[in-house]
Protein backbone atom coordinates (compact mmCIF):
# COMPACT_ATOMS: atom_id res chain seq x y z
CA MET A 1 -13.59 31.42 -22.73
CA HIS A 2 -10.00 30.77 -23.52
CA THR A 3 -8.76 29.43 -26.91
CA MET A 4 -6.52 27.17 -27.44
CA HIS A 5 -4.92 26.34 -30.63
CA PRO A 6 -3.40 23.07 -30.67
CA ALA A 7 -0.64 22.31 -33.62
CA SER A 8 -2.02 20.12 -36.10
CA PRO A 9 -2.29 16.54 -35.13
CA LEU A 10 1.05 15.03 -36.07
CA PRO A 11 0.83 12.47 -39.39
CA VAL A 12 2.74 10.47 -37.62
CA VAL A 13 0.46 9.68 -34.96
CA GLU A 14 -2.67 9.61 -37.65
CA LEU A 15 -0.60 6.95 -39.20
CA LEU A 16 0.08 4.74 -36.08
CA VAL A 17 -3.91 5.21 -34.96
CA VAL A 18 -5.02 3.98 -38.54
CA GLY A 19 -2.17 1.18 -38.69
CA LEU A 20 -3.31 -0.30 -35.19
CA ALA A 21 -6.95 0.06 -36.23
CA ALA A 22 -5.87 -1.99 -39.39
CA THR A 23 -3.96 -4.47 -37.86
CA THR A 24 -6.40 -4.91 -34.77
CA ILE A 25 -9.41 -5.70 -37.47
CA ALA A 26 -6.97 -7.72 -39.82
CA ALA A 27 -5.90 -9.99 -36.64
CA TYR A 28 -9.85 -10.74 -35.58
CA LEU A 29 -10.38 -11.21 -39.05
CA ALA A 30 -7.94 -13.80 -39.54
CA GLY A 31 -8.42 -15.44 -36.16
CA MET A 32 -12.47 -15.91 -37.42
CA THR A 33 -11.12 -17.28 -40.39
CA ILE A 34 -8.96 -19.81 -38.66
CA SER A 35 -11.88 -20.86 -36.62
CA ARG A 36 -14.20 -21.79 -39.37
CA ARG A 37 -11.38 -23.34 -41.16
CA ARG A 38 -10.99 -25.89 -38.38
CA GLY A 39 -14.63 -25.96 -38.21
CA ARG A 40 -16.21 -23.82 -35.20
CA THR A 41 -18.06 -21.21 -36.81
CA TRP A 42 -18.04 -18.28 -35.71
CA PRO A 43 -21.16 -15.12 -35.37
CA LEU A 44 -20.53 -12.85 -38.17
CA ARG A 45 -22.19 -10.22 -35.54
CA ARG A 46 -19.18 -10.25 -33.67
CA ALA A 47 -16.77 -9.54 -36.08
CA LEU A 48 -18.88 -6.37 -37.19
CA CYS A 49 -19.04 -5.43 -33.57
CA TRP A 50 -15.49 -6.06 -33.22
CA CYS A 51 -14.89 -4.16 -36.51
CA ALA A 52 -17.53 -1.36 -35.18
CA GLY A 53 -15.59 -1.17 -32.34
CA ILE A 54 -12.12 -0.13 -33.50
CA VAL A 55 -13.86 2.23 -36.14
CA LEU A 56 -15.35 3.86 -33.55
CA ALA A 57 -12.17 4.23 -30.88
CA ALA A 58 -10.23 5.59 -33.89
CA ALA A 59 -12.72 8.33 -35.04
CA SER A 60 -12.39 9.36 -31.18
CA VAL A 61 -8.63 10.84 -32.09
CA ILE A 62 -8.27 11.32 -35.81
CA GLY A 63 -10.62 12.94 -37.69
CA PRO A 64 -13.09 15.80 -37.99
CA LEU A 65 -14.65 14.61 -34.40
CA ALA A 66 -10.51 14.77 -32.73
CA ALA A 67 -10.24 17.95 -34.32
CA ALA A 68 -13.57 19.06 -33.29
CA ALA A 69 -13.29 18.35 -29.78
CA HIS A 70 -10.01 20.70 -28.81
CA GLU A 71 -12.52 23.56 -29.25
CA GLY A 72 -16.06 22.19 -28.12
CA PHE A 73 -16.99 20.22 -25.58
CA VAL A 74 -20.20 18.72 -27.19
CA ALA A 75 -17.68 17.01 -29.64
CA HIS A 76 -15.35 16.52 -26.90
CA MET A 77 -17.92 14.50 -24.82
CA THR A 78 -18.95 13.10 -27.91
CA ALA A 79 -15.08 11.32 -28.65
CA HIS A 80 -14.95 10.28 -24.91
CA LEU A 81 -18.70 8.32 -25.17
CA LEU A 82 -17.31 6.84 -28.32
CA ALA A 83 -13.60 5.59 -26.51
CA GLY A 84 -14.58 5.37 -23.05
CA MET A 85 -18.34 3.80 -23.37
CA ILE A 86 -19.61 2.81 -26.89
CA ALA A 87 -16.42 1.39 -28.38
CA PRO A 88 -15.71 -0.79 -24.81
CA LEU A 89 -19.00 -2.41 -25.20
CA LEU A 90 -18.76 -3.36 -29.00
CA LEU A 91 -15.58 -4.84 -28.56
CA VAL A 92 -16.44 -7.03 -25.17
CA LEU A 93 -19.36 -8.30 -27.13
CA ALA A 94 -16.76 -9.50 -30.13
CA ALA A 95 -15.67 -12.18 -27.21
CA PRO A 96 -11.99 -11.57 -28.79
CA VAL A 97 -10.33 -13.65 -25.83
CA THR A 98 -12.81 -16.63 -26.94
CA LEU A 99 -11.67 -16.28 -30.49
CA ALA A 100 -8.06 -16.23 -29.84
CA LEU A 101 -8.22 -19.30 -27.78
CA ARG A 102 -10.36 -20.44 -30.50
CA SER A 103 -7.69 -19.52 -33.18
CA LEU A 104 -4.11 -19.76 -31.82
CA ALA A 105 -1.90 -22.42 -31.68
CA PRO A 106 -1.87 -25.23 -28.82
CA THR A 107 1.42 -23.05 -26.92
CA PRO A 108 0.26 -19.94 -27.45
CA ALA A 109 -3.46 -20.51 -26.69
CA ARG A 110 -1.97 -22.11 -23.62
CA ARG A 111 -0.15 -18.59 -22.66
CA LEU A 112 -2.64 -16.89 -22.89
CA SER A 113 -5.01 -19.17 -20.40
CA ARG A 114 -2.21 -18.76 -18.10
CA LEU A 115 -1.75 -14.94 -18.44
CA LEU A 116 -6.03 -14.85 -17.75
CA ARG A 117 -5.25 -16.78 -14.67
CA SER A 118 -2.42 -14.72 -13.08
CA ALA A 119 -2.80 -12.81 -10.20
CA PRO A 120 -2.48 -9.50 -12.09
CA ALA A 121 -4.77 -10.32 -14.35
CA ARG A 122 -7.29 -10.93 -11.29
CA VAL A 123 -6.50 -7.24 -9.72
CA LEU A 124 -7.02 -5.69 -13.09
CA THR A 125 -10.18 -7.87 -14.18
CA HIS A 126 -12.19 -7.14 -11.11
CA PRO A 127 -15.01 -5.32 -10.77
CA VAL A 128 -13.66 -3.12 -8.38
CA THR A 129 -10.21 -2.23 -10.32
CA ALA A 130 -12.09 -2.02 -13.42
CA ALA A 131 -14.82 0.88 -11.73
CA VAL A 132 -12.09 2.66 -10.46
CA LEU A 133 -9.89 2.91 -13.37
CA SER A 134 -12.87 3.58 -15.85
CA ALA A 135 -14.47 6.37 -13.72
CA GLY A 136 -11.95 7.54 -11.71
CA GLY A 137 -9.84 8.49 -14.82
CA LEU A 138 -12.91 10.60 -15.75
CA TRP A 139 -13.30 12.27 -12.84
CA LEU A 140 -9.49 12.54 -12.65
CA ILE A 141 -9.82 14.58 -16.80
CA TYR A 142 -11.99 16.84 -15.23
CA LEU A 143 -10.47 17.68 -11.73
CA THR A 144 -6.75 18.04 -12.72
CA PRO A 145 -4.97 19.83 -15.84
CA ILE A 146 -5.20 16.86 -18.02
CA LEU A 147 -8.07 18.56 -20.00
CA ASP A 148 -6.18 21.43 -20.99
CA ALA A 149 -3.35 19.00 -21.88
CA MET A 150 -5.36 17.18 -23.72
CA ARG A 151 -6.40 20.00 -25.83
CA ALA A 152 -2.66 21.28 -26.37
CA SER A 153 -1.00 18.20 -27.36
CA PRO A 154 -2.39 15.70 -29.83
CA LEU A 155 -0.12 12.93 -27.86
CA VAL A 156 -1.76 13.45 -24.50
CA HIS A 157 -5.38 12.93 -26.58
CA VAL A 158 -5.26 10.04 -27.89
CA ALA A 159 -3.08 8.44 -24.60
CA VAL A 160 -6.10 9.97 -22.39
CA HIS A 161 -8.56 8.42 -25.33
CA GLY A 162 -6.21 4.79 -25.26
CA HIS A 163 -6.77 5.14 -21.52
CA LEU A 164 -10.97 5.66 -21.56
CA LEU A 165 -10.86 2.68 -24.27
CA LEU A 166 -8.47 0.32 -22.08
CA ALA A 167 -10.29 1.17 -18.94
CA GLY A 168 -14.01 1.32 -20.71
CA TYR A 169 -13.05 -2.20 -21.95
CA LEU A 170 -12.03 -3.65 -18.58
CA PHE A 171 -15.31 -2.20 -16.89
CA THR A 172 -17.56 -3.33 -19.27
CA ALA A 173 -15.71 -6.91 -19.27
CA ALA A 174 -15.74 -7.00 -16.18
CA MET A 175 -19.68 -6.78 -15.95
CA ILE A 176 -21.17 -8.57 -19.10
CA SER A 177 -18.15 -10.33 -21.31
CA PRO A 178 -18.93 -13.52 -22.80
CA ASP A 179 -15.51 -14.29 -22.82
CA PRO A 180 -13.96 -17.07 -20.16
CA ARG A 181 -13.51 -15.71 -17.05
CA PRO A 182 -10.93 -17.38 -14.57
CA HIS A 183 -11.85 -15.49 -11.76
CA PRO A 184 -15.59 -15.13 -11.55
CA VAL A 185 -16.87 -12.19 -8.82
CA ALA A 186 -20.36 -12.74 -7.08
CA ARG A 187 -22.54 -11.35 -9.21
CA PRO A 188 -24.43 -9.33 -5.99
CA ILE A 189 -21.03 -7.81 -5.81
CA ALA A 190 -21.06 -6.99 -9.54
CA ALA A 191 -24.02 -5.16 -9.19
CA ALA A 192 -23.25 -3.26 -6.54
CA VAL A 193 -20.25 -1.53 -8.32
CA LEU A 194 -22.28 -1.43 -11.49
CA VAL A 195 -24.53 0.79 -9.74
CA LEU A 196 -21.79 3.13 -8.02
CA ALA A 197 -19.57 3.07 -10.88
CA LEU A 198 -22.90 4.50 -12.84
CA ALA A 199 -23.84 6.71 -10.38
CA ALA A 200 -19.91 8.41 -10.64
CA HIS A 201 -20.94 8.42 -14.15
CA GLY A 202 -23.53 10.73 -13.74
CA VAL A 203 -22.25 12.42 -10.95
CA LEU A 204 -19.90 14.04 -12.70
CA ALA A 205 -22.27 14.63 -15.60
CA LYS A 206 -24.58 16.65 -13.26
CA TYR A 207 -20.85 18.85 -11.70
CA LEU A 208 -19.51 19.59 -15.01
CA TYR A 209 -23.49 21.04 -15.90
CA ALA A 210 -22.71 23.04 -12.18
CA HIS A 211 -18.79 23.73 -12.54
CA PRO A 212 -18.05 24.43 -16.28
CA PRO A 213 -14.35 24.18 -17.37
CA ALA A 214 -13.12 27.62 -17.99
CA ALA A 215 -11.55 26.33 -21.36
CA PHE A 216 -14.90 25.96 -22.78
CA ALA A 217 -18.03 28.55 -23.01
CA ALA A 218 -20.46 27.77 -20.08
CA ALA A 219 -23.43 26.80 -22.47
CA ASP A 220 -21.12 24.43 -24.45
CA VAL A 221 -20.30 22.53 -21.54
CA ARG A 222 -23.83 22.23 -20.24
CA ALA A 223 -24.89 20.89 -23.71
CA GLY A 224 -21.82 18.32 -23.55
CA ALA A 225 -22.63 17.60 -19.75
CA GLN A 226 -25.97 16.51 -20.97
CA VAL A 227 -24.79 14.43 -23.70
CA MET A 228 -22.37 12.61 -21.45
CA TYR A 229 -26.00 12.06 -19.00
CA TYR A 230 -28.27 11.21 -21.33
CA ALA A 231 -26.47 9.44 -24.42
CA GLY A 232 -23.97 7.84 -21.56
CA THR A 233 -27.64 6.84 -19.57
CA TRP A 234 -28.26 4.55 -23.14
CA VAL A 235 -25.26 2.89 -22.89
CA GLU A 236 -25.38 2.32 -19.41
CA ALA A 237 -29.01 0.78 -19.73
CA VAL A 238 -27.38 -1.50 -22.38
CA ILE A 239 -24.92 -2.85 -19.91
CA ILE A 240 -27.26 -3.16 -17.51
CA VAL A 241 -30.01 -5.11 -20.21
CA VAL A 242 -26.82 -7.88 -20.65
CA PHE A 243 -25.92 -8.13 -16.83
CA CYS A 244 -29.28 -9.17 -16.04
CA ALA A 245 -30.60 -11.20 -18.95
CA GLN A 246 -26.99 -13.33 -17.93
CA TRP A 247 -27.41 -13.17 -14.16
CA TYR A 248 -30.97 -14.84 -15.06
CA ARG A 249 -29.63 -17.14 -17.15
CA ALA A 250 -26.78 -18.16 -14.62
CA ALA A 251 -29.39 -18.63 -12.11
CA GLY A 252 -32.07 -21.07 -14.27
CA VAL A 253 -28.92 -23.16 -15.31
CA GLN A 254 -28.08 -23.75 -11.24
CA ARG A 255 -31.57 -24.31 -10.63
CA ARG A 256 -31.60 -27.10 -13.49
CA ARG A 257 -28.16 -28.69 -12.28
CA ALA A 258 -29.95 -28.67 -8.58
CA ALA A 259 -33.14 -30.31 -9.85
CA GLY A 260 -30.58 -32.49 -11.68
CA GLY A 261 -28.73 -33.30 -8.79
CA MET A 262 -32.01 -34.53 -6.39
CA PRO A 263 -32.74 -37.61 -6.08
CA SER A 264 -35.85 -38.89 -7.21
């Protein structure tokens, strides 16, 4: 095993992460307050999902877990699961776009709506694009020197986890977002992409188990690969359940509309 001792995370990096996390939580809570003042209640569970998602995302790049991730693959993989799967799921379930549209002033709200309907947004939020960014990004980390760079540089560590968080959010939102979808994709297509993306995640876990990166002890990598496979499966199961439930509800709405439109 090649031991690497990176410099301690820069205080400025930690401060930036903490400041960003606090700002996003404060902005969400402010939006919730504005929405309620306008007479439109906002579920507390969504606020709790947002706060938990931000805290878990921050914990993946600063603090004890992030420090341990430089030396141990189990901690490394746990941080990846937090940043790339668990935190994005919680953030998506918090429905931040809906809250923003409710709480922003009319002009910013219209601008956000136009942005969501734009061509770049359509490309980024398409399930195929989101799956390539999320699953493909993971493969890139472990098949290139990015893994060693993450261990050597706190800035690279934060940047990679930022990518995992954003890509994970895009992928999860493309599948189960409760927010408005200006460019909806046919659910059979989304289902096919979901299956392929989950398969890519599982195959990568098995690949790591069979081909441990030289930077870590083989036994540690195998344990981390099992964390990736089994813990990731639980998160994926939640996404599948929510996806199927939304599909079932949408089909029910379509049936009722069709029945209502039929002549008696």
